[in-house]
Amino acid sequence: MRATAKATYLRMAPRKVGIVLDLIRNKPAEEALAILKFTPRAASEPISKLLKSAMANAENNFGMSVSDLVVAECKVDQGPTLKRIRPRAQGRAYRINKKTSHITIVLEDSQEDD
């Protein structure tokens, strides 16, 4: 049984989100929450909220035990880029790309294999 949660159009670059997701991949859900709590990165807060949402989905929709959950899969995909213009000297304009991310977290029951 697998429980998922998705966050779309998060205003954060996927490269920065991926660094934090690498820390919690294949870890127990409770341990992953503790890791996120003490990770000094901006992406750790929305990922923490998403992980809690996935845990709630597992518990309420599938009747899975929260203590047995493992982060089976977590990935980030690039969303649409917001293109902005920054005025520069002598009438020039530089482009600023504000990237967005789509994050997916999948939790599995570790007791299922036994």
Protein backbone atom coordinates (compact mmCIF):
# COMPACT_ATOMS: atom_id res chain seq x y z
CA MET A 1 0.00 0.00 0.00
CA ARG A 2 1.33 3.43 -0.95
CA ALA A 3 0.21 6.88 0.22
CA THR A 4 1.19 9.97 -1.73
CA ALA A 5 1.14 13.74 -1.36
CA LYS A 6 1.97 16.38 -3.97
CA ALA A 7 2.87 20.05 -3.81
CA THR A 8 2.67 21.86 -7.13
CA TYR A 9 3.88 25.27 -8.27
CA LEU A 10 6.09 25.74 -5.20
CA ARG A 11 8.06 28.97 -5.72
CA MET A 12 11.47 27.42 -5.17
CA ALA A 13 14.10 26.15 -7.60
CA PRO A 14 13.97 22.35 -8.07
CA ARG A 15 17.73 22.10 -7.64
CA LYS A 16 17.50 23.50 -4.10
CA VAL A 17 14.54 21.28 -3.21
CA GLY A 18 16.34 18.17 -4.50
CA ILE A 19 19.20 18.66 -2.03
CA VAL A 20 16.78 18.40 0.89
CA LEU A 21 14.85 15.47 -0.62
CA ASP A 22 18.10 13.50 -0.89
CA LEU A 23 18.43 13.70 2.91
CA ILE A 24 15.12 11.93 3.62
CA ARG A 25 14.92 9.36 0.80
CA ASN A 26 14.46 5.75 2.10
CA LYS A 27 14.25 6.88 5.74
CA PRO A 28 11.45 6.13 8.22
CA ALA A 29 8.85 8.91 8.19
CA GLU A 30 9.36 9.89 11.83
CA GLU A 31 13.14 10.13 11.33
CA ALA A 32 12.64 12.11 8.12
CA LEU A 33 10.54 14.67 10.02
CA ALA A 34 13.31 15.03 12.62
CA ILE A 35 15.92 15.51 9.89
CA LEU A 36 13.79 18.19 8.22
CA LYS A 37 13.24 19.98 11.52
CA PHE A 38 16.98 20.53 11.98
CA THR A 39 17.94 21.17 8.36
CA PRO A 40 18.74 24.87 7.86
CA ARG A 41 17.37 25.14 4.31
CA ALA A 42 14.37 27.08 3.04
CA ALA A 43 12.99 23.98 1.29
CA SER A 44 12.79 21.97 4.52
CA GLU A 45 9.62 23.74 5.75
CA PRO A 46 7.36 23.03 2.72
CA ILE A 47 8.77 19.48 2.45
CA SER A 48 8.02 18.93 6.14
CA LYS A 49 4.41 20.06 5.62
CA LEU A 50 4.13 17.78 2.59
CA LEU A 51 5.52 14.81 4.52
CA LYS A 52 3.01 15.40 7.33
CA SER A 53 0.24 15.51 4.71
CA ALA A 54 1.40 12.20 3.22
CA MET A 55 1.48 10.66 6.72
CA ALA A 56 -2.06 11.88 7.38
CA ASN A 57 -3.20 10.47 4.01
CA ALA A 58 -1.68 7.09 4.90
CA GLU A 59 -3.31 7.02 8.31
CA ASN A 60 -6.76 8.32 7.40
CA ASN A 61 -7.28 7.00 3.86
CA PHE A 62 -5.48 3.65 4.03
CA GLY A 63 -5.46 2.84 7.76
CA MET A 64 -1.68 2.48 7.87
CA SER A 65 0.31 2.84 11.09
CA VAL A 66 2.37 6.06 11.18
CA SER A 67 5.25 4.38 13.04
CA ASP A 68 5.73 1.84 10.20
CA LEU A 69 5.87 4.35 7.32
CA VAL A 70 8.98 4.75 5.17
CA VAL A 71 9.69 7.42 2.54
CA ALA A 72 9.74 5.06 -0.44
CA GLU A 73 9.96 7.69 -3.14
CA CYS A 74 10.44 11.45 -3.23
CA LYS A 75 11.04 13.45 -6.35
CA VAL A 76 10.99 17.01 -7.61
CA ASP A 77 10.10 18.12 -11.13
CA GLN A 78 10.47 21.57 -12.62
CA GLY A 79 7.28 23.55 -13.04
CA PRO A 80 6.72 26.59 -15.22
CA THR A 81 9.26 29.40 -14.99
CA LEU A 82 8.09 32.93 -14.21
CA LYS A 83 10.05 35.34 -16.42
CA ARG A 84 10.75 38.77 -14.99
CA ILE A 85 12.71 41.77 -16.27
CA ARG A 86 15.37 43.65 -14.29
CA PRO A 87 16.23 47.14 -15.60
CA ARG A 88 19.96 47.71 -16.05
CA ALA A 89 22.22 50.57 -17.07
CA GLN A 90 21.94 52.29 -20.46
CA GLY A 91 18.41 51.06 -21.16
CA ARG A 92 19.26 47.38 -21.08
CA ALA A 93 17.09 44.74 -19.45
CA TYR A 94 18.28 41.49 -17.88
CA ARG A 95 15.94 38.54 -17.52
CA ILE A 96 15.34 36.95 -14.14
CA ASN A 97 13.91 33.42 -14.19
CA LYS A 98 11.88 32.53 -11.12
CA LYS A 99 11.61 28.76 -11.15
CA THR A 100 8.86 26.64 -9.64
CA SER A 101 8.80 23.04 -8.44
CA HIS A 102 6.41 20.11 -8.27
CA ILE A 103 7.24 17.82 -5.31
CA THR A 104 5.91 14.28 -4.85
CA ILE A 105 6.36 12.16 -1.71
CA VAL A 106 5.34 8.48 -1.59
CA LEU A 107 5.16 6.58 1.70
CA GLU A 108 5.08 2.79 2.05
CA ASP A 109 4.37 0.49 4.95
CA SER A 110 7.64 -1.16 6.04
CA GLN A 111 5.75 -4.09 7.66
CA GLU A 112 4.18 -5.02 4.32
CA ASP A 113 7.20 -7.10 3.23
CA ASP A 114 7.13 -9.34 6.33
